N, C-alpha and C. Protein backbone atom coordinates (compact mmCIF):
# COMPACT_ATOMS: atom_id res chain seq x y z
N MET A 1 79.37 -56.42 92.44
CA MET A 1 78.22 -56.47 91.94
C MET A 1 77.28 -57.17 92.57
N SER A 2 76.07 -56.59 92.91
CA SER A 2 74.95 -57.23 93.69
C SER A 2 74.27 -58.13 92.95
N PRO A 3 74.01 -59.34 93.38
CA PRO A 3 73.20 -60.21 92.52
C PRO A 3 71.73 -59.67 92.44
N VAL A 4 71.28 -59.94 91.07
CA VAL A 4 70.00 -59.72 90.55
C VAL A 4 69.12 -60.52 91.20
N VAL A 5 67.83 -60.27 91.52
CA VAL A 5 67.00 -61.06 92.15
C VAL A 5 65.86 -61.51 90.85
N ASN A 6 65.54 -62.70 90.69
CA ASN A 6 64.52 -63.08 89.63
C ASN A 6 63.15 -62.49 90.09
N ASP A 7 62.86 -61.67 89.30
CA ASP A 7 61.36 -61.16 89.39
C ASP A 7 60.47 -61.46 88.22
N MET A 8 60.98 -62.45 87.36
CA MET A 8 60.14 -62.56 86.03
C MET A 8 59.26 -63.76 86.20
N PRO A 9 57.92 -63.47 86.00
CA PRO A 9 56.92 -64.49 86.12
C PRO A 9 57.28 -65.82 85.07
N GLY A 10 56.75 -66.83 85.71
CA GLY A 10 57.08 -68.07 85.10
C GLY A 10 57.21 -68.41 83.56
N PRO A 11 56.09 -68.09 82.87
CA PRO A 11 56.00 -68.25 81.36
C PRO A 11 56.87 -67.49 80.68
N ALA A 12 57.11 -66.05 81.20
CA ALA A 12 57.99 -65.13 80.66
C ALA A 12 59.52 -65.42 80.68
N ARG A 13 59.67 -65.98 81.85
CA ARG A 13 61.08 -66.50 82.19
C ARG A 13 61.43 -67.55 81.12
N LEU A 14 60.54 -68.65 80.96
CA LEU A 14 60.80 -69.73 80.18
C LEU A 14 60.88 -69.22 78.80
N ASP A 15 60.17 -68.27 78.32
CA ASP A 15 60.20 -67.76 77.12
C ASP A 15 61.71 -67.21 76.72
N THR A 16 62.23 -66.55 77.61
CA THR A 16 63.51 -65.90 77.39
C THR A 16 64.62 -67.01 77.56
N GLN A 17 64.42 -67.82 78.40
CA GLN A 17 65.41 -69.07 78.69
C GLN A 17 65.48 -69.74 77.13
N MET A 18 64.39 -70.31 76.86
CA MET A 18 64.20 -71.09 75.55
C MET A 18 64.77 -70.17 74.37
N ALA A 19 64.50 -68.82 74.25
CA ALA A 19 65.11 -67.91 73.25
C ALA A 19 66.68 -68.28 73.30
N PHE A 20 67.14 -68.09 74.41
CA PHE A 20 68.67 -68.26 74.46
C PHE A 20 69.04 -69.55 74.05
N LEU A 21 68.36 -70.49 74.73
CA LEU A 21 68.87 -71.96 74.24
C LEU A 21 68.81 -72.16 72.76
N ARG A 22 67.73 -71.59 72.11
CA ARG A 22 67.64 -71.74 70.59
C ARG A 22 68.98 -71.14 69.90
N GLU A 23 69.18 -70.04 70.48
CA GLU A 23 70.34 -69.17 69.83
C GLU A 23 71.63 -69.85 69.95
N ALA A 24 71.65 -70.50 71.15
CA ALA A 24 72.87 -71.32 71.48
C ALA A 24 73.28 -72.30 70.54
N ASP A 25 72.02 -72.74 69.83
CA ASP A 25 72.24 -73.97 68.89
C ASP A 25 73.27 -73.64 67.77
N GLN A 26 73.32 -72.31 67.58
CA GLN A 26 74.22 -71.81 66.39
C GLN A 26 75.58 -72.12 66.47
N LEU A 27 76.13 -72.47 67.70
CA LEU A 27 77.41 -72.73 68.04
C LEU A 27 77.78 -74.20 67.25
N LYS A 28 76.77 -74.85 67.06
CA LYS A 28 77.16 -76.08 66.33
C LYS A 28 77.59 -75.88 64.99
N ALA A 29 77.25 -74.77 64.24
CA ALA A 29 77.47 -74.44 62.94
C ALA A 29 79.04 -73.65 62.88
N VAL A 30 79.51 -73.28 64.01
CA VAL A 30 80.81 -72.42 63.93
C VAL A 30 81.90 -73.48 63.94
N LEU A 31 82.62 -73.46 62.78
CA LEU A 31 83.67 -74.46 62.58
C LEU A 31 85.03 -73.77 63.00
N ARG A 32 85.95 -74.70 63.67
CA ARG A 32 87.19 -74.09 64.21
C ARG A 32 88.23 -74.56 63.11
N ALA A 33 89.27 -74.06 63.16
CA ALA A 33 90.46 -74.46 62.33
C ALA A 33 90.91 -75.98 62.48
N SER A 34 90.70 -76.38 63.96
CA SER A 34 91.18 -77.78 64.13
C SER A 34 90.39 -78.87 63.65
N ARG A 35 90.84 -80.14 63.54
CA ARG A 35 90.13 -81.11 63.02
C ARG A 35 90.15 -82.11 63.99
N LEU A 36 88.97 -83.14 63.69
CA LEU A 36 88.92 -84.21 64.57
C LEU A 36 90.08 -85.10 64.51
N ILE A 37 90.45 -85.95 65.55
CA ILE A 37 91.60 -86.86 65.35
C ILE A 37 91.63 -87.62 64.34
N ASP A 38 90.52 -88.07 63.77
CA ASP A 38 90.57 -89.11 62.64
C ASP A 38 90.59 -88.31 61.46
N GLY A 39 90.65 -87.00 61.50
CA GLY A 39 91.02 -86.29 60.32
C GLY A 39 89.85 -86.08 59.38
N SER A 40 88.69 -86.60 59.55
CA SER A 40 87.58 -86.66 58.81
C SER A 40 86.96 -85.26 58.43
N ARG A 41 87.03 -84.27 59.44
CA ARG A 41 86.32 -83.03 59.21
C ARG A 41 87.02 -81.99 60.23
N ARG A 42 86.63 -80.79 60.17
CA ARG A 42 86.88 -80.01 61.21
C ARG A 42 85.77 -79.92 62.39
N GLU A 43 86.33 -79.60 63.61
CA GLU A 43 85.35 -79.67 64.83
C GLU A 43 84.61 -78.42 64.90
N ASN A 44 83.48 -78.37 65.27
CA ASN A 44 82.71 -77.11 65.53
C ASN A 44 82.81 -76.77 66.99
N SER A 45 82.67 -75.59 67.34
CA SER A 45 82.96 -74.92 68.63
C SER A 45 81.96 -75.58 69.71
N ALA A 46 80.85 -76.13 69.48
CA ALA A 46 80.09 -76.70 70.45
C ALA A 46 80.84 -78.19 70.87
N GLU A 47 81.32 -78.76 69.75
CA GLU A 47 82.05 -79.89 70.11
C GLU A 47 83.48 -79.72 71.15
N HIS A 48 84.15 -78.56 70.64
CA HIS A 48 85.24 -78.17 71.26
C HIS A 48 84.75 -78.03 72.92
N SER A 49 83.78 -77.03 73.09
CA SER A 49 83.39 -76.73 74.49
C SER A 49 82.98 -77.87 75.23
N TRP A 50 82.30 -78.88 74.73
CA TRP A 50 82.05 -80.27 75.23
C TRP A 50 83.36 -80.96 75.75
N HIS A 51 84.41 -81.08 74.63
CA HIS A 51 85.56 -81.82 74.98
C HIS A 51 86.40 -81.12 76.21
N VAL A 52 86.53 -79.79 76.00
CA VAL A 52 87.56 -79.05 77.30
C VAL A 52 86.60 -79.16 78.32
N MET A 53 85.34 -79.22 78.57
CA MET A 53 84.61 -79.45 79.90
C MET A 53 85.04 -81.22 80.41
N LEU A 54 85.13 -81.98 79.49
CA LEU A 54 85.41 -83.37 79.80
C LEU A 54 87.05 -83.28 80.34
N TYR A 55 87.83 -82.61 79.60
CA TYR A 55 89.20 -82.51 80.13
C TYR A 55 89.31 -82.00 81.43
N ALA A 56 88.50 -80.94 81.68
CA ALA A 56 88.67 -80.30 83.11
C ALA A 56 88.21 -81.42 84.02
N LEU A 57 87.17 -81.98 83.92
CA LEU A 57 86.54 -82.94 84.74
C LEU A 57 87.65 -84.20 85.07
N VAL A 58 88.12 -84.67 84.00
CA VAL A 58 89.15 -85.84 83.99
C VAL A 58 90.50 -85.32 84.62
N LEU A 59 90.94 -84.29 84.21
CA LEU A 59 92.30 -83.50 84.74
C LEU A 59 92.01 -82.86 86.14
N ALA A 60 90.90 -82.87 86.75
CA ALA A 60 90.85 -82.03 87.97
C ALA A 60 91.83 -82.18 89.05
N ASP A 61 92.48 -83.42 89.05
CA ASP A 61 93.49 -83.63 90.03
C ASP A 61 94.77 -82.88 89.66
N GLN A 62 94.86 -82.40 88.68
CA GLN A 62 96.09 -81.56 88.13
C GLN A 62 95.76 -80.07 88.53
N ALA A 63 94.73 -79.79 88.96
CA ALA A 63 94.48 -78.30 89.47
C ALA A 63 95.05 -77.92 90.65
N ALA A 64 95.11 -76.54 90.96
CA ALA A 64 95.59 -76.27 92.16
C ALA A 64 94.36 -76.46 93.39
N PRO A 65 94.84 -76.82 94.69
CA PRO A 65 93.88 -77.23 95.77
C PRO A 65 92.72 -76.22 95.75
N GLU A 66 92.83 -74.88 95.61
CA GLU A 66 91.82 -73.84 95.60
C GLU A 66 90.80 -73.74 94.53
N VAL A 67 91.17 -74.41 93.35
CA VAL A 67 90.34 -74.59 92.12
C VAL A 67 89.09 -75.40 92.36
N GLN A 68 87.90 -74.72 92.05
CA GLN A 68 86.59 -75.30 92.17
C GLN A 68 86.25 -75.81 90.78
N ILE A 69 86.29 -77.22 90.45
CA ILE A 69 86.12 -77.63 89.13
C ILE A 69 84.68 -77.40 88.61
N ASP A 70 83.79 -77.36 89.51
CA ASP A 70 82.43 -77.11 88.99
C ASP A 70 82.18 -75.59 88.31
N ARG A 71 82.85 -74.67 88.89
CA ARG A 71 82.80 -73.36 88.23
C ARG A 71 83.75 -73.52 87.00
N VAL A 72 84.92 -74.06 86.87
CA VAL A 72 85.63 -74.36 85.71
C VAL A 72 84.87 -74.83 84.70
N ILE A 73 84.07 -75.80 85.00
CA ILE A 73 83.17 -76.42 83.92
C ILE A 73 82.28 -75.41 83.50
N ARG A 74 81.67 -74.59 84.19
CA ARG A 74 80.52 -73.60 83.82
C ARG A 74 81.33 -72.63 83.00
N MET A 75 82.43 -72.32 83.36
CA MET A 75 83.30 -71.27 82.52
C MET A 75 83.28 -71.81 81.09
N LEU A 76 83.90 -72.93 80.97
CA LEU A 76 84.19 -73.70 79.78
C LEU A 76 82.92 -74.00 78.86
N LEU A 77 81.73 -74.25 79.63
CA LEU A 77 80.68 -74.36 78.76
C LEU A 77 80.21 -72.96 77.99
N LEU A 78 80.49 -71.95 78.96
CA LEU A 78 79.98 -70.55 78.29
C LEU A 78 81.17 -70.06 77.42
N HIS A 79 82.45 -70.31 77.41
CA HIS A 79 83.45 -69.45 76.93
C HIS A 79 83.35 -69.29 75.59
N ASP A 80 82.91 -70.13 74.76
CA ASP A 80 82.90 -70.16 73.36
C ASP A 80 81.63 -69.49 72.63
N LEU A 81 80.60 -69.32 73.56
CA LEU A 81 79.14 -68.93 72.83
C LEU A 81 79.42 -67.83 72.20
N VAL A 82 80.28 -66.84 72.38
CA VAL A 82 80.49 -65.68 71.67
C VAL A 82 80.99 -65.76 70.24
N GLU A 83 81.34 -66.86 69.90
CA GLU A 83 81.84 -67.32 68.51
C GLU A 83 80.58 -67.31 67.60
N ILE A 84 79.35 -67.42 68.26
CA ILE A 84 78.00 -67.40 67.23
C ILE A 84 78.14 -66.14 66.57
N ASP A 85 78.54 -64.94 67.18
CA ASP A 85 78.83 -63.64 66.51
C ASP A 85 79.93 -63.31 65.79
N ALA A 86 81.18 -63.71 66.85
CA ALA A 86 82.34 -63.18 66.64
C ALA A 86 83.18 -64.20 65.73
N GLY A 87 82.76 -65.46 65.49
CA GLY A 87 83.48 -66.39 64.73
C GLY A 87 84.64 -67.11 65.68
N ASP A 88 85.42 -68.11 64.78
CA ASP A 88 86.37 -68.56 65.48
C ASP A 88 87.79 -67.89 65.38
N ALA A 89 88.59 -67.59 66.31
CA ALA A 89 89.89 -66.98 66.00
C ALA A 89 91.16 -68.13 66.28
N PRO A 90 91.53 -68.64 65.27
CA PRO A 90 92.70 -69.64 65.29
C PRO A 90 93.86 -69.16 66.07
N ILE A 91 94.23 -70.03 67.09
CA ILE A 91 95.39 -69.39 67.99
C ILE A 91 96.56 -69.13 67.20
N HIS A 92 96.87 -69.80 65.96
CA HIS A 92 98.03 -69.62 65.25
C HIS A 92 97.83 -68.80 63.85
N GLY A 93 96.61 -68.19 63.77
CA GLY A 93 96.29 -67.46 62.73
C GLY A 93 96.68 -65.93 62.86
N THR A 94 96.63 -65.19 61.85
CA THR A 94 96.82 -63.65 61.98
C THR A 94 95.52 -62.92 62.52
N ILE A 95 95.55 -62.48 63.62
CA ILE A 95 94.34 -61.97 64.28
C ILE A 95 94.51 -60.60 64.99
N ASP A 96 93.63 -59.58 64.48
CA ASP A 96 93.68 -58.39 65.46
C ASP A 96 93.03 -58.65 66.63
N HIS A 97 93.79 -58.88 67.79
CA HIS A 97 93.36 -59.14 69.06
C HIS A 97 92.29 -58.20 69.69
N ALA A 98 92.82 -56.98 69.48
CA ALA A 98 92.03 -55.97 70.15
C ALA A 98 90.64 -55.85 69.45
N ALA A 99 90.75 -55.92 68.14
CA ALA A 99 89.16 -55.93 67.30
C ALA A 99 88.46 -57.29 67.70
N MET A 100 89.14 -58.47 67.75
CA MET A 100 88.38 -59.60 68.21
C MET A 100 87.83 -59.36 69.68
N ALA A 101 88.52 -58.91 70.59
CA ALA A 101 88.10 -58.76 71.95
C ALA A 101 86.82 -57.80 72.05
N MET A 102 86.79 -56.83 71.15
CA MET A 102 85.50 -56.02 71.09
C MET A 102 84.36 -56.55 70.61
N LYS A 103 84.69 -57.44 69.41
CA LYS A 103 83.63 -58.29 68.79
C LYS A 103 82.93 -59.26 69.95
N GLU A 104 83.91 -59.93 70.66
CA GLU A 104 83.44 -61.01 71.70
C GLU A 104 82.73 -60.48 72.67
N ALA A 105 83.15 -59.22 73.18
CA ALA A 105 82.48 -58.49 74.23
C ALA A 105 81.05 -57.99 73.77
N ALA A 106 80.95 -57.55 72.62
CA ALA A 106 79.65 -57.23 72.24
C ALA A 106 78.68 -58.49 71.85
N ALA A 107 79.39 -59.65 71.54
CA ALA A 107 78.40 -60.87 71.53
C ALA A 107 78.14 -61.47 72.96
N ALA A 108 79.11 -61.23 73.74
CA ALA A 108 78.64 -61.56 75.09
C ALA A 108 77.40 -60.71 75.77
N THR A 109 77.36 -59.39 75.28
CA THR A 109 76.37 -58.53 75.70
C THR A 109 75.06 -58.96 75.04
N ARG A 110 75.01 -59.36 73.92
CA ARG A 110 73.92 -59.60 73.06
C ARG A 110 73.28 -61.05 73.55
N LEU A 111 74.35 -61.94 73.68
CA LEU A 111 73.92 -63.45 73.77
C LEU A 111 73.19 -63.56 75.38
N PHE A 112 74.15 -63.28 76.30
CA PHE A 112 73.69 -63.31 77.61
C PHE A 112 72.54 -62.49 77.97
N GLY A 113 72.34 -61.26 77.04
CA GLY A 113 71.27 -60.40 77.45
C GLY A 113 69.85 -60.92 76.90
N LEU A 114 69.88 -62.14 76.35
CA LEU A 114 68.76 -62.74 75.93
C LEU A 114 68.16 -63.66 77.06
N LEU A 115 68.88 -63.82 78.20
CA LEU A 115 68.24 -64.51 79.34
C LEU A 115 67.67 -63.68 80.31
N PRO A 116 66.93 -63.99 81.39
CA PRO A 116 66.46 -63.29 82.58
C PRO A 116 67.55 -62.54 83.04
N ALA A 117 67.50 -61.41 83.69
CA ALA A 117 68.39 -60.64 84.23
C ALA A 117 69.41 -61.20 85.21
N ASP A 118 68.81 -62.13 85.94
CA ASP A 118 69.56 -62.94 87.06
C ASP A 118 70.70 -63.84 86.40
N GLN A 119 70.38 -64.45 85.47
CA GLN A 119 71.17 -65.38 84.78
C GLN A 119 71.86 -64.73 83.88
N ALA A 120 71.63 -63.77 83.16
CA ALA A 120 72.37 -62.82 82.33
C ALA A 120 73.61 -62.28 83.20
N GLN A 121 73.48 -61.76 84.42
CA GLN A 121 74.43 -61.22 85.14
C GLN A 121 75.36 -62.37 85.59
N ALA A 122 74.86 -63.53 85.99
CA ALA A 122 75.88 -64.57 86.49
C ALA A 122 76.59 -65.02 85.51
N PHE A 123 76.07 -65.34 84.23
CA PHE A 123 76.79 -66.13 83.11
C PHE A 123 77.84 -65.09 82.65
N ARG A 124 77.40 -63.72 82.55
CA ARG A 124 78.39 -62.63 81.91
C ARG A 124 79.52 -62.55 82.93
N ALA A 125 79.10 -62.72 84.10
CA ALA A 125 80.42 -62.47 85.23
C ALA A 125 81.18 -63.72 84.88
N LEU A 126 80.83 -64.81 84.75
CA LEU A 126 81.68 -66.12 84.55
C LEU A 126 82.47 -65.88 83.37
N TRP A 127 81.77 -65.47 82.34
CA TRP A 127 82.53 -65.23 80.80
C TRP A 127 83.65 -64.27 81.13
N ASP A 128 83.31 -63.08 81.89
CA ASP A 128 84.56 -62.15 82.06
C ASP A 128 85.55 -62.55 82.75
N GLU A 129 85.15 -63.36 83.94
CA GLU A 129 86.17 -64.01 84.83
C GLU A 129 87.19 -64.90 83.96
N PHE A 130 86.64 -65.73 82.93
CA PHE A 130 87.59 -66.34 82.35
C PHE A 130 88.20 -65.78 81.26
N GLU A 131 87.72 -64.71 80.74
CA GLU A 131 88.37 -63.91 79.71
C GLU A 131 89.62 -63.12 80.52
N ALA A 132 89.42 -62.71 81.88
CA ALA A 132 90.64 -61.94 82.71
C ALA A 132 91.65 -62.88 83.03
N ALA A 133 91.28 -64.19 83.24
CA ALA A 133 92.25 -65.16 83.70
C ALA A 133 93.06 -64.68 84.81
N GLU A 134 92.51 -64.12 85.89
CA GLU A 134 92.96 -63.72 86.99
C GLU A 134 92.82 -64.66 88.41
N THR A 135 91.78 -65.26 88.36
CA THR A 135 91.53 -66.22 89.55
C THR A 135 91.98 -67.29 89.30
N PRO A 136 92.02 -68.20 90.33
CA PRO A 136 92.57 -69.68 90.23
C PRO A 136 91.54 -70.54 89.37
N ASP A 137 90.24 -70.32 89.45
CA ASP A 137 89.31 -70.97 88.41
C ASP A 137 89.51 -70.67 87.10
N ALA A 138 89.60 -69.45 86.68
CA ALA A 138 89.79 -68.99 85.27
C ALA A 138 91.20 -69.36 84.75
N ILE A 139 92.30 -69.24 85.68
CA ILE A 139 93.54 -69.65 85.17
C ILE A 139 93.55 -71.22 84.86
N PHE A 140 93.05 -72.02 85.73
CA PHE A 140 92.98 -73.39 85.35
C PHE A 140 92.14 -73.59 84.16
N ALA A 141 91.13 -72.91 83.95
CA ALA A 141 90.04 -73.07 82.67
C ALA A 141 90.78 -72.63 81.58
N LYS A 142 91.63 -71.56 81.61
CA LYS A 142 92.30 -71.21 80.41
C LYS A 142 93.43 -72.29 79.99
N SER A 143 94.17 -72.71 80.95
CA SER A 143 95.04 -73.68 80.60
C SER A 143 94.29 -74.96 79.99
N ILE A 144 93.33 -75.47 80.53
CA ILE A 144 92.50 -76.66 79.88
C ILE A 144 92.02 -76.35 78.40
N ASP A 145 91.87 -75.19 78.36
CA ASP A 145 91.25 -74.80 77.00
C ASP A 145 92.55 -74.86 75.74
N ARG A 146 93.69 -74.67 76.21
CA ARG A 146 94.78 -74.73 75.46
C ARG A 146 95.38 -76.24 75.21
N ILE A 147 94.81 -77.07 76.10
CA ILE A 147 95.43 -78.52 75.99
C ILE A 147 94.86 -79.24 74.93
N GLN A 148 93.54 -79.09 74.66
CA GLN A 148 92.87 -80.06 73.79
C GLN A 148 93.40 -80.17 72.42
N THR A 149 93.73 -78.92 71.71
CA THR A 149 94.12 -79.06 70.41
C THR A 149 95.47 -79.60 70.29
N PRO A 150 96.70 -79.20 71.17
CA PRO A 150 97.87 -79.97 70.91
C PRO A 150 97.77 -81.49 71.13
N VAL A 151 96.98 -82.01 72.14
CA VAL A 151 96.84 -83.43 72.15
C VAL A 151 96.30 -83.94 70.96
N ALA A 152 95.23 -83.49 70.24
CA ALA A 152 94.60 -83.89 69.06
C ALA A 152 95.58 -84.01 67.98
N ASN A 153 96.35 -82.69 67.79
CA ASN A 153 97.49 -82.79 66.81
C ASN A 153 98.47 -83.66 67.02
N LEU A 154 98.95 -84.08 68.11
CA LEU A 154 99.97 -85.06 68.36
C LEU A 154 99.40 -86.40 67.79
N ALA A 155 98.25 -86.78 67.99
CA ALA A 155 97.35 -87.92 67.78
C ALA A 155 97.04 -87.98 66.37
N SER A 156 97.05 -86.99 65.47
CA SER A 156 96.59 -87.01 64.00
C SER A 156 97.73 -86.58 63.23
N GLY A 157 98.74 -86.55 63.44
CA GLY A 157 99.83 -86.33 62.45
C GLY A 157 100.24 -84.78 62.23
N GLY A 158 99.71 -83.94 63.38
CA GLY A 158 100.26 -82.59 63.23
C GLY A 158 99.07 -81.58 62.91
N GLY A 159 98.11 -81.92 62.50
CA GLY A 159 96.84 -81.16 62.31
C GLY A 159 97.01 -79.75 61.95
N THR A 160 96.68 -78.91 62.88
CA THR A 160 96.79 -77.44 62.40
C THR A 160 98.10 -76.86 62.47
N TRP A 161 99.06 -77.69 63.08
CA TRP A 161 100.48 -77.35 63.09
C TRP A 161 101.15 -77.15 61.67
N VAL A 162 100.76 -78.33 60.98
CA VAL A 162 101.17 -78.44 59.63
C VAL A 162 100.34 -77.20 58.82
N ASP A 163 99.17 -76.91 58.98
CA ASP A 163 98.38 -76.01 58.33
C ASP A 163 99.06 -74.57 58.62
N TYR A 164 99.42 -74.29 59.74
CA TYR A 164 100.07 -73.05 60.14
C TYR A 164 101.53 -72.85 60.01
N ASN A 165 102.13 -73.94 59.80
CA ASN A 165 103.60 -73.91 59.99
C ASN A 165 104.11 -73.48 61.28
N VAL A 166 103.52 -74.08 62.31
CA VAL A 166 103.72 -73.64 63.59
C VAL A 166 105.19 -74.18 64.13
N THR A 167 105.74 -73.34 65.01
CA THR A 167 107.09 -73.59 65.41
C THR A 167 107.12 -73.71 66.90
N LEU A 168 108.26 -74.25 67.43
CA LEU A 168 108.39 -74.59 68.84
C LEU A 168 108.20 -73.24 69.70
N ASP A 169 108.80 -72.05 69.16
CA ASP A 169 108.74 -70.97 69.90
C ASP A 169 107.25 -70.41 70.02
N GLN A 170 106.53 -70.65 68.81
CA GLN A 170 105.13 -70.28 68.85
C GLN A 170 104.34 -71.21 69.80
N MET A 171 104.52 -72.33 70.06
CA MET A 171 103.95 -73.05 71.06
C MET A 171 104.25 -72.78 72.51
N ASP A 172 105.54 -72.35 72.63
CA ASP A 172 105.81 -72.06 74.00
C ASP A 172 104.97 -70.75 74.32
N ALA A 173 105.02 -69.96 73.43
CA ALA A 173 104.47 -68.55 73.75
C ALA A 173 102.95 -68.63 73.84
N ARG A 174 102.35 -69.20 72.84
CA ARG A 174 100.89 -69.23 72.77
C ARG A 174 100.09 -70.31 73.52
N VAL A 175 100.81 -71.36 73.57
CA VAL A 175 100.21 -72.40 74.46
C VAL A 175 100.96 -72.64 75.79
N GLY A 176 102.29 -72.84 75.70
CA GLY A 176 102.96 -73.22 76.91
C GLY A 176 102.86 -72.14 78.21
N THR A 177 102.67 -70.88 77.78
CA THR A 177 102.61 -69.79 78.74
C THR A 177 101.37 -69.93 79.59
N PRO A 178 100.11 -70.07 79.06
CA PRO A 178 98.76 -70.11 79.95
C PRO A 178 98.70 -71.61 80.36
N VAL A 179 99.20 -72.77 79.64
CA VAL A 179 99.23 -74.10 80.15
C VAL A 179 100.03 -74.18 81.41
N ASN A 180 101.24 -73.74 81.34
CA ASN A 180 102.26 -73.81 82.45
C ASN A 180 101.68 -73.00 83.69
N ARG A 181 101.15 -72.10 83.29
CA ARG A 181 100.44 -71.20 84.57
C ARG A 181 99.33 -71.90 85.30
N GLY A 182 98.54 -72.54 84.60
CA GLY A 182 97.60 -73.25 85.28
C GLY A 182 97.64 -74.76 85.60
N THR A 183 98.42 -75.32 84.72
CA THR A 183 98.72 -76.78 84.97
C THR A 183 100.16 -77.12 84.65
N PRO A 184 101.20 -76.86 85.32
CA PRO A 184 102.45 -76.85 84.99
C PRO A 184 102.91 -78.51 84.88
N ARG A 185 102.13 -79.24 85.65
CA ARG A 185 102.54 -80.61 85.35
C ARG A 185 102.19 -81.31 84.02
N ILE A 186 100.98 -80.64 83.60
CA ILE A 186 100.53 -81.33 82.35
C ILE A 186 101.50 -80.60 81.25
N TRP A 187 101.90 -79.29 81.27
CA TRP A 187 102.86 -78.85 80.45
C TRP A 187 104.29 -79.61 80.45
N ALA A 188 104.72 -79.86 81.49
CA ALA A 188 105.92 -80.95 81.74
C ALA A 188 105.79 -82.17 81.07
N TRP A 189 104.46 -82.70 80.96
CA TRP A 189 104.34 -83.96 80.21
C TRP A 189 104.08 -83.70 78.65
N LEU A 190 103.58 -82.64 78.33
CA LEU A 190 103.20 -82.17 76.94
C LEU A 190 104.28 -81.68 75.99
N ARG A 191 105.24 -80.74 76.74
CA ARG A 191 106.10 -79.87 75.85
C ARG A 191 107.10 -80.94 75.24
N PRO A 192 107.59 -82.05 76.01
CA PRO A 192 108.78 -82.79 75.25
C PRO A 192 108.00 -83.56 73.97
N GLN A 193 106.91 -84.01 74.09
CA GLN A 193 106.09 -84.53 72.95
C GLN A 193 106.12 -83.57 71.90
N ILE A 194 105.72 -82.39 72.20
CA ILE A 194 105.46 -81.37 71.05
C ILE A 194 106.80 -81.10 70.45
N LYS A 195 107.88 -80.81 71.27
CA LYS A 195 109.08 -80.54 70.80
C LYS A 195 109.72 -81.79 69.85
N ALA A 196 109.34 -82.96 70.31
CA ALA A 196 109.87 -84.11 69.48
C ALA A 196 109.05 -84.14 68.22
N PHE A 197 107.85 -83.69 68.14
CA PHE A 197 107.11 -83.72 67.03
C PHE A 197 107.61 -82.44 65.79
N LEU A 198 107.75 -81.19 66.61
CA LEU A 198 108.12 -80.15 65.84
C LEU A 198 109.62 -80.20 65.64
N GLY A 199 110.42 -80.90 66.11
CA GLY A 199 111.78 -80.93 65.95
C GLY A 199 112.54 -79.87 66.37
N GLY A 200 112.01 -79.17 67.37
CA GLY A 200 112.82 -77.90 68.09
C GLY A 200 112.76 -76.73 67.03
N SER A 201 111.92 -76.74 66.08
CA SER A 201 111.83 -75.65 65.12
C SER A 201 111.70 -74.31 65.66
N LYS A 202 112.19 -73.17 65.24
CA LYS A 202 112.28 -71.98 65.84
C LYS A 202 111.53 -70.96 64.81
N THR A 203 111.08 -70.01 65.36
CA THR A 203 110.32 -69.12 64.52
C THR A 203 111.48 -68.31 63.86
N PRO A 204 111.28 -68.16 62.42
CA PRO A 204 112.29 -67.48 61.57
C PRO A 204 112.46 -65.97 62.14
């Protein structure tokens, strides 16, 4: 895809950029299933996005050599904006994944479409790359996105694992697979802790 050239006059460009930024504020009101480590409340999706970006920055030394952490952070900044329209889909909930993917794609079209054309194309391309999880940057970004909640659950007495009666088999499939693909050393560190907490429980 050829890059779109910015040909929008200054004031009009700022109008559209500010409209997008005002719309993005709604992410602060989207509540996730996961709670803060202190258990005081559920986290919102904007907080999650900030925290996984920090995870990526701190854990950059766990990435493959070809991974560009600045691109990973940009993906993680954008990846959950679609929840403004589509809502949060708890990883251990009962979800129609095909329907959710359609809702999220429609949300991406609407939200990024608020931006000037050059930014709309660039941001949507990053979002699509993250969702496809085929490039080294996206694979690492997906793995980091899966790490934050298990770390928080271990620190808070189980968190959503208790709420959803999560088993080790489910964790291996839903968390272990993407994490091990992008950050195998982190999964080797994290899985024994998860297994100890869940007691090796298996899916019925």
